[in-house]
N, C-alpha and C. Protein backbone atom coordinates (compact mmCIF):
# COMPACT_ATOMS: atom_id res chain seq x y z
N MET A 1 1.01 -1.26 -0.15
CA MET A 1 -0.16 -0.14 0.09
C MET A 1 0.71 1.04 -0.14
N SER A 2 0.55 2.51 -0.63
CA SER A 2 1.09 3.43 -0.78
C SER A 2 0.29 4.53 0.09
N LEU A 3 1.09 5.29 0.51
CA LEU A 3 0.42 6.34 1.11
C LEU A 3 0.45 7.59 0.23
N ASP A 4 -1.05 8.17 0.50
CA ASP A 4 -1.08 9.63 -0.33
C ASP A 4 -1.37 10.91 0.92
N ILE A 5 -1.26 11.92 0.27
CA ILE A 5 -1.77 12.96 0.97
C ILE A 5 -2.56 13.02 2.25
N LEU A 6 -3.82 12.63 2.26
CA LEU A 6 -4.85 12.37 2.75
C LEU A 6 -4.40 11.56 4.26
N ASP A 7 -3.58 10.31 3.90
CA ASP A 7 -3.18 9.39 4.59
C ASP A 7 -2.09 10.06 5.63
N MET A 8 -1.19 10.90 5.25
CA MET A 8 -0.34 11.50 5.61
C MET A 8 -0.60 12.59 6.75
N LYS A 9 -1.89 13.41 6.21
CA LYS A 9 -2.56 14.60 7.02
C LYS A 9 -3.33 13.61 8.40
N ILE A 10 -3.45 12.39 8.32
CA ILE A 10 -4.12 11.53 9.24
C ILE A 10 -3.27 11.36 10.29
N ILE A 11 -1.97 10.89 9.61
CA ILE A 11 -0.84 10.25 10.21
C ILE A 11 -0.38 11.30 11.19
N LYS A 12 -0.20 12.55 10.39
CA LYS A 12 0.14 13.66 11.12
C LYS A 12 -0.66 14.11 12.25
N CYS A 13 -1.80 14.03 12.15
CA CYS A 13 -2.53 14.82 13.49
C CYS A 13 -2.47 13.38 14.48
N LEU A 14 -2.66 12.13 14.11
CA LEU A 14 -2.58 10.84 15.28
C LEU A 14 -1.47 11.30 16.20
N THR A 15 0.04 11.69 14.96
CA THR A 15 1.00 11.68 15.50
C THR A 15 1.17 12.56 16.88
N ASP A 16 1.09 13.57 16.51
CA ASP A 16 0.44 14.97 17.41
C ASP A 16 -0.24 14.93 18.79
N ASP A 17 -1.50 13.86 18.02
CA ASP A 17 -2.07 13.51 19.02
C ASP A 17 -2.75 12.56 19.33
N GLY A 18 -2.83 11.50 19.60
CA GLY A 18 -3.00 10.44 19.46
C GLY A 18 -4.75 10.10 19.78
N ARG A 19 -5.56 10.77 20.41
CA ARG A 19 -6.47 11.00 20.73
C ARG A 19 -7.30 11.94 19.59
N CYS A 20 -6.66 12.29 19.20
CA CYS A 20 -7.25 13.46 17.83
C CYS A 20 -8.73 12.69 17.43
N THR A 21 -9.86 13.65 17.15
CA THR A 21 -10.99 12.79 16.75
C THR A 21 -10.93 12.84 15.31
N TYR A 22 -12.27 12.16 15.06
CA TYR A 22 -12.35 12.13 13.85
C TYR A 22 -12.69 13.38 12.67
N LYS A 23 -13.32 13.44 13.93
CA LYS A 23 -14.34 15.30 13.64
C LYS A 23 -12.85 16.38 12.78
N LYS A 24 -12.19 16.56 14.04
CA LYS A 24 -10.72 17.30 14.01
C LYS A 24 -9.99 17.11 12.81
N MET A 25 -9.59 15.69 12.50
CA MET A 25 -9.00 15.04 11.15
C MET A 25 -9.71 15.37 9.97
N SER A 26 -10.81 15.53 10.05
CA SER A 26 -11.98 15.47 8.75
C SER A 26 -11.63 17.41 8.20
N GLU A 27 -11.76 17.71 9.29
CA GLU A 27 -11.76 19.34 9.09
C GLU A 27 -10.49 19.73 8.49
N GLU A 28 -9.12 18.81 9.43
CA GLU A 28 -8.00 19.52 8.96
C GLU A 28 -7.84 18.87 7.57
N ALA A 29 -8.39 17.66 7.03
CA ALA A 29 -7.72 17.14 5.88
C ALA A 29 -8.91 17.58 4.65
N GLY A 30 -10.03 18.12 5.10
CA GLY A 30 -11.06 18.39 4.37
C GLY A 30 -11.99 17.61 3.28
N VAL A 31 -12.67 16.41 4.23
CA VAL A 31 -13.12 15.10 4.16
C VAL A 31 -14.02 14.92 5.11
N SER A 32 -14.54 13.72 4.83
CA SER A 32 -15.67 13.52 5.70
C SER A 32 -15.21 12.82 6.99
N GLU A 33 -16.02 12.79 8.32
CA GLU A 33 -15.44 11.60 9.11
C GLU A 33 -15.36 10.19 8.81
N ALA A 34 -16.41 9.99 7.71
CA ALA A 34 -16.46 8.41 7.49
C ALA A 34 -14.94 8.39 6.70
N THR A 35 -14.90 9.36 5.98
CA THR A 35 -13.73 8.96 5.00
C THR A 35 -12.43 8.78 5.80
N VAL A 36 -12.20 9.60 7.18
CA VAL A 36 -11.12 9.72 8.13
C VAL A 36 -11.08 8.22 8.52
N LYS A 37 -12.14 7.88 9.29
CA LYS A 37 -12.59 6.58 9.57
C LYS A 37 -12.06 5.58 8.94
N ASN A 38 -12.73 5.35 7.58
CA ASN A 38 -12.48 4.39 6.82
C ASN A 38 -10.56 4.07 6.15
N ARG A 39 -10.23 5.29 6.37
CA ARG A 39 -8.81 5.29 6.17
C ARG A 39 -7.79 4.71 7.14
N ILE A 40 -8.15 5.16 8.55
CA ILE A 40 -7.55 4.66 9.77
C ILE A 40 -7.68 3.13 9.85
N ASP A 41 -9.29 3.05 9.61
CA ASP A 41 -9.18 1.06 9.82
C ASP A 41 -8.06 0.60 8.09
N LYS A 42 -8.12 0.94 7.44
CA LYS A 42 -7.29 0.37 6.07
C LYS A 42 -5.85 0.74 6.83
N LEU A 43 -5.63 1.58 7.20
CA LEU A 43 -4.16 1.72 7.49
C LEU A 43 -3.86 1.09 8.85
N ARG A 44 -4.74 0.54 9.80
CA ARG A 44 -4.61 -0.15 10.69
C ARG A 44 -4.25 -1.74 10.43
N GLU A 45 -5.32 -1.86 9.33
CA GLU A 45 -4.99 -3.56 8.39
C GLU A 45 -4.30 -3.70 7.58
N GLU A 46 -3.70 -2.53 7.04
CA GLU A 46 -2.41 -2.84 6.38
C GLU A 46 -1.00 -3.04 7.24
N GLY A 47 -1.57 -3.10 8.30
CA GLY A 47 -0.38 -2.75 9.44
C GLY A 47 0.47 -1.63 9.20
N ILE A 48 0.21 -0.58 8.89
CA ILE A 48 1.20 0.72 9.09
C ILE A 48 1.06 1.29 10.33
N ILE A 49 -0.35 1.77 10.61
CA ILE A 49 -0.45 1.55 12.19
C ILE A 49 -0.50 0.61 12.93
N LYS A 50 0.31 0.65 13.44
CA LYS A 50 0.28 -0.82 14.55
C LYS A 50 -0.57 -0.91 15.70
N LYS A 51 0.05 0.55 16.38
CA LYS A 51 -1.06 0.82 17.54
C LYS A 51 -1.46 2.18 17.89
N PHE A 52 -2.13 2.62 19.02
CA PHE A 52 -2.26 3.64 19.69
C PHE A 52 -1.03 3.64 20.42
N THR A 53 -0.42 4.86 20.95
CA THR A 53 0.62 4.33 22.71
C THR A 53 0.22 6.08 23.02
N VAL A 54 1.17 5.78 24.48
CA VAL A 54 1.02 6.96 25.00
C VAL A 54 2.65 7.05 25.13
N ILE A 55 2.92 8.36 24.97
CA ILE A 55 4.80 9.10 25.28
C ILE A 55 4.52 9.71 26.58
N MET A 56 5.89 9.27 27.70
CA MET A 56 5.45 9.68 29.09
C MET A 56 6.88 10.54 28.71
N ASP A 57 6.96 11.31 29.73
CA ASP A 57 7.88 12.23 30.09
C ASP A 57 9.03 11.62 31.24
N TYR A 58 9.93 10.94 31.02
CA TYR A 58 10.62 10.41 31.60
C TYR A 58 11.03 11.05 32.87
N HIS A 59 11.34 12.12 32.63
CA HIS A 59 12.18 13.00 33.51
C HIS A 59 10.92 13.56 34.91
N LYS A 60 9.55 13.82 34.07
CA LYS A 60 8.68 13.95 35.23
C LYS A 60 8.34 12.96 36.20
N LEU A 61 8.69 11.79 35.59
CA LEU A 61 8.45 10.40 36.38
C LEU A 61 10.17 9.98 37.42
N GLY A 62 10.86 10.91 37.08
CA GLY A 62 12.25 10.73 37.87
C GLY A 62 13.63 10.07 36.75
N ARG A 63 12.95 9.25 35.86
CA ARG A 63 14.00 8.80 35.46
C ARG A 63 14.62 9.57 34.02
N ALA A 64 15.88 10.38 34.95
CA ALA A 64 16.75 11.09 34.06
C ALA A 64 18.08 10.82 33.62
N ILE A 65 18.23 9.51 34.01
CA ILE A 65 19.64 8.99 33.44
C ILE A 65 18.97 7.88 32.10
N LYS A 66 19.62 8.23 31.14
CA LYS A 66 19.24 7.41 29.63
C LYS A 66 20.62 7.10 29.40
N ALA A 67 20.60 5.59 28.68
CA ALA A 67 22.12 5.54 27.90
C ALA A 67 21.85 4.56 27.15
N PHE A 68 22.45 4.39 26.08
CA PHE A 68 22.94 3.17 25.22
C PHE A 68 24.01 2.49 25.43
N ILE A 69 23.78 1.29 25.50
CA ILE A 69 24.95 0.19 25.70
C ILE A 69 24.87 -0.81 24.36
N GLY A 70 26.13 -0.61 24.03
CA GLY A 70 26.33 -1.53 22.69
C GLY A 70 27.22 -2.85 23.35
N LEU A 71 26.60 -3.93 22.95
CA LEU A 71 27.51 -5.27 23.49
C LEU A 71 28.08 -6.09 22.18
N LYS A 72 28.82 -6.41 22.68
CA LYS A 72 29.66 -7.31 21.73
C LYS A 72 29.35 -8.94 21.93
N VAL A 73 28.77 -9.91 20.92
CA VAL A 73 28.36 -11.10 21.67
C VAL A 73 28.79 -12.20 20.87
N GLN A 74 29.31 -13.10 21.65
CA GLN A 74 29.63 -14.44 20.70
C GLN A 74 28.18 -15.13 19.99
N PRO A 75 28.34 -15.21 18.66
CA PRO A 75 27.24 -15.22 17.99
C PRO A 75 26.51 -16.49 18.74
N ALA A 76 27.28 -17.74 18.94
CA ALA A 76 26.03 -18.72 19.25
C ALA A 76 25.56 -18.65 20.85
N LYS A 77 25.68 -17.37 21.44
CA LYS A 77 24.50 -17.22 22.46
C LYS A 77 23.75 -15.52 22.25
N LEU A 78 23.89 -15.38 21.24
CA LEU A 78 23.18 -14.34 21.06
C LEU A 78 21.33 -14.47 21.27
N SER A 79 20.61 -15.48 20.90
CA SER A 79 19.54 -15.54 21.11
C SER A 79 18.92 -15.82 22.57
N SER A 80 20.12 -16.53 23.13
CA SER A 80 20.11 -16.43 24.36
C SER A 80 19.81 -15.22 25.13
N ILE A 81 20.90 -14.32 24.78
CA ILE A 81 20.81 -13.06 25.75
C ILE A 81 20.01 -12.16 25.26
N VAL A 82 19.40 -12.10 24.08
CA VAL A 82 17.94 -11.64 23.70
C VAL A 82 17.30 -11.64 24.45
N LYS A 83 16.95 -12.85 24.67
CA LYS A 83 15.80 -13.30 25.42
C LYS A 83 16.09 -12.90 26.95
N ASP A 84 17.13 -12.96 27.69
CA ASP A 84 16.99 -12.22 28.72
C ASP A 84 16.94 -10.89 29.10
N ILE A 85 17.57 -9.95 28.08
CA ILE A 85 17.87 -8.94 28.28
C ILE A 85 16.24 -7.95 27.79
N GLU A 86 15.54 -8.42 26.86
CA GLU A 86 14.47 -7.95 26.66
C GLU A 86 13.27 -8.43 27.86
N LYS A 87 13.67 -9.04 28.97
CA LYS A 87 12.62 -9.32 30.11
C LYS A 87 12.70 -7.94 30.98
N ASN A 88 14.00 -7.07 30.42
CA ASN A 88 13.92 -6.13 31.60
C ASN A 88 13.19 -4.99 31.48
N PRO A 89 12.37 -4.47 32.34
CA PRO A 89 11.41 -3.19 32.13
C PRO A 89 12.06 -2.42 31.99
N ASP A 90 13.40 -2.24 32.21
CA ASP A 90 14.44 -1.16 32.06
C ASP A 90 14.86 -0.84 30.72
N VAL A 91 14.97 -1.68 29.70
CA VAL A 91 15.36 -1.74 28.33
C VAL A 91 14.11 -1.29 27.84
N HIS A 92 14.31 -0.21 27.18
CA HIS A 92 13.08 0.24 26.40
C HIS A 92 13.03 0.09 24.74
N VAL A 93 14.67 0.08 23.98
CA VAL A 93 14.65 -0.57 22.70
C VAL A 93 15.99 -1.84 22.86
N LEU A 94 15.45 -2.64 22.26
CA LEU A 94 16.81 -3.80 21.84
C LEU A 94 16.80 -4.22 20.51
N TYR A 95 17.91 -3.56 19.97
CA TYR A 95 18.37 -3.33 18.08
C TYR A 95 19.12 -4.52 18.08
N ARG A 96 19.13 -5.34 17.16
CA ARG A 96 20.06 -6.11 16.93
C ARG A 96 21.02 -5.22 15.34
N THR A 97 21.93 -5.18 15.84
CA THR A 97 23.18 -4.07 14.77
C THR A 97 24.57 -4.88 13.76
N SER A 98 24.68 -4.02 13.10
CA SER A 98 25.90 -4.79 12.86
C SER A 98 27.09 -3.40 13.14
N GLY A 99 28.31 -4.11 13.04
CA GLY A 99 29.41 -3.14 12.75
C GLY A 99 30.07 -3.35 14.21
N ASP A 100 30.66 -2.18 15.11
CA ASP A 100 31.27 -2.93 16.29
C ASP A 100 30.70 -3.22 17.26
N VAL A 101 29.29 -3.01 17.53
CA VAL A 101 28.57 -4.47 18.35
C VAL A 101 27.18 -5.02 17.80
N ASP A 102 27.17 -6.09 18.49
CA ASP A 102 26.04 -6.57 18.05
C ASP A 102 24.64 -6.31 18.56
N LEU A 103 24.42 -5.70 19.58
CA LEU A 103 23.14 -5.63 20.00
C LEU A 103 23.34 -4.03 20.52
N LEU A 104 22.63 -3.17 20.65
CA LEU A 104 22.15 -1.96 21.06
C LEU A 104 20.99 -1.64 22.21
N ILE A 105 21.17 -1.41 23.38
CA ILE A 105 20.24 -1.36 24.23
C ILE A 105 20.04 -0.06 24.56
N GLU A 106 18.74 0.54 24.92
CA GLU A 106 18.62 2.05 25.21
C GLU A 106 17.88 1.53 26.30
N VAL A 107 18.21 2.70 27.62
CA VAL A 107 17.81 2.14 29.05
C VAL A 107 17.32 3.25 29.43
N ILE A 108 16.54 3.35 30.62
CA ILE A 108 16.39 4.97 31.07
C ILE A 108 16.19 4.51 32.57
N PHE A 109 17.26 5.19 33.46
CA PHE A 109 16.98 4.91 35.01
C PHE A 109 16.87 6.28 35.49
N GLU A 110 16.41 6.05 37.18
CA GLU A 110 16.00 7.14 37.75
C GLU A 110 17.32 7.68 38.68
N GLN A 111 18.47 7.13 38.87
CA GLN A 111 19.63 7.60 39.24
C GLN A 111 20.99 6.24 38.77
N MET A 112 22.15 6.91 38.27
CA MET A 112 23.26 6.98 38.16
C MET A 112 23.39 5.22 38.95
N GLU A 113 23.05 4.95 39.74
CA GLU A 113 23.38 3.73 40.88
C GLU A 113 22.55 2.52 40.02
N ASP A 114 21.55 2.96 39.60
CA ASP A 114 20.48 2.09 38.43
C ASP A 114 21.39 1.17 37.61
N LEU A 115 21.65 2.31 36.99
CA LEU A 115 22.61 2.28 35.83
C LEU A 115 23.52 1.22 35.83
N ASN A 116 24.43 1.47 37.03
CA ASN A 116 25.65 0.74 36.97
C ASN A 116 25.54 -0.44 37.43
N ALA A 117 24.18 -0.99 38.61
CA ALA A 117 23.41 -1.78 38.58
C ALA A 117 23.15 -3.24 37.48
N PHE A 118 22.54 -2.49 36.80
CA PHE A 118 22.14 -3.40 35.52
C PHE A 118 23.31 -3.59 34.92
N LEU A 119 24.38 -3.12 34.68
CA LEU A 119 25.57 -3.32 34.29
C LEU A 119 26.32 -4.27 34.55
N GLU A 120 26.30 -4.23 35.98
CA GLU A 120 27.02 -5.31 37.23
C GLU A 120 26.30 -6.83 37.23
N LYS A 121 24.95 -6.52 36.81
CA LYS A 121 23.31 -7.72 37.13
C LYS A 121 23.35 -8.37 35.81
N GLU A 122 22.83 -7.35 35.34
CA GLU A 122 21.92 -7.84 34.17
C GLU A 122 22.56 -7.87 32.78
N ILE A 123 23.72 -7.26 32.39
CA ILE A 123 24.66 -7.48 31.46
C ILE A 123 25.65 -8.68 31.77
N ALA A 124 26.13 -9.14 33.01
CA ALA A 124 26.87 -9.94 33.47
C ALA A 124 26.41 -11.48 33.01
N LEU A 125 26.24 -11.71 31.61
CA LEU A 125 26.04 -12.47 30.61
C LEU A 125 26.65 -13.48 30.01
N ASP A 126 26.54 -15.04 30.43
CA ASP A 126 27.97 -15.78 29.33
C ASP A 126 27.63 -15.22 27.86
N GLY A 127 28.49 -15.07 27.45
CA GLY A 127 28.49 -14.83 25.69
C GLY A 127 28.93 -13.42 25.61
N ILE A 128 28.78 -12.76 26.46
CA ILE A 128 29.05 -10.74 26.21
C ILE A 128 30.86 -10.58 26.41
N ILE A 129 31.20 -10.45 25.17
CA ILE A 129 32.28 -10.37 25.36
C ILE A 129 32.97 -8.90 25.07
N GLY A 130 32.42 -7.90 25.02
CA GLY A 130 32.54 -6.67 25.22
C GLY A 130 31.19 -5.67 25.44
N THR A 131 31.23 -4.57 25.82
CA THR A 131 30.34 -3.48 26.12
C THR A 131 31.01 -2.39 25.90
N VAL A 132 29.83 -0.84 25.59
CA VAL A 132 30.07 0.18 25.31
C VAL A 132 29.05 1.10 26.08
N VAL A 133 29.20 1.47 26.67
CA VAL A 133 28.24 2.84 27.83
C VAL A 133 28.34 3.82 27.14
N THR A 134 27.57 4.41 26.68
CA THR A 134 27.51 6.04 26.30
C THR A 134 26.10 6.32 27.05
N ILE A 135 26.51 7.53 27.67
CA ILE A 135 25.26 8.16 28.53
C ILE A 135 24.64 9.16 27.81
N VAL A 136 23.58 9.59 27.59
CA VAL A 136 23.17 10.46 26.63
C VAL A 136 22.95 12.06 27.47
N ILE A 137 23.55 12.67 26.83
CA ILE A 137 23.44 14.71 28.36
C ILE A 137 22.38 15.09 27.86
N GLY A 138 21.97 14.74 26.11
CA GLY A 138 20.43 15.50 26.25
C GLY A 138 19.85 15.46 24.90
N PRO A 139 18.83 15.68 24.10
CA PRO A 139 18.24 15.13 22.78
C PRO A 139 18.71 16.72 22.21
N TYR A 140 19.03 16.66 21.07
CA TYR A 140 18.72 17.76 19.85
C TYR A 140 17.40 17.69 19.12
N LYS A 141 17.39 16.33 19.10
CA LYS A 141 16.08 16.20 18.38
C LYS A 141 15.41 14.35 18.87
N ARG A 142 14.16 14.91 19.13
CA ARG A 142 13.74 13.75 19.33
C ARG A 142 13.09 13.04 18.14
N CYS A 143 12.24 11.47 18.32
CA CYS A 143 11.79 10.81 17.27
C CYS A 143 10.33 11.04 17.18
N PRO A 144 9.56 11.68 16.31
CA PRO A 144 8.40 12.51 16.11
C PRO A 144 7.38 11.38 16.90
N TRP A 145 7.92 9.80 16.65
CA TRP A 145 6.67 9.09 17.11
C TRP A 145 6.44 8.53 18.27
N THR A 146 7.92 8.29 18.76
CA THR A 146 8.07 7.79 19.84
C THR A 146 8.46 8.93 21.06
N GLY A 147 8.69 10.12 20.76
CA GLY A 147 9.26 10.79 21.95
C GLY A 147 10.35 10.66 22.46
N LEU A 148 11.33 9.73 22.47
CA LEU A 148 12.21 8.94 22.68
C LEU A 148 13.62 9.94 22.39
């Protein structure tokens, strides 16, 4: 499925406000509410819109320590390491990558001590042969879809 201008207007409205009404979207796009509903249904059926979600302000929750952790792993252990790491609620994103590291983890913690504990306990897995930790100082630009 290819997206047209109407689809993009609808997606923009939903990206800005996931609770945007059909009425508001129809007014902004210049079409009927039924057309907006049908388009959203089709975007969901096609898997282009996967879900509607909440973007939280982690700083307001007291979680100000964000870091990216790159892991170099033994290929035979990759699957088991992913299964262990993805269970942790502090892991927000876990990527398979190429280059200097095999996995890239995005974590958000309340305190530096929490990050340290994560590194000492959760990343002490058999098969991890190297880590690179990068602490985020602050964003210049955030992802418009996730706010991260």
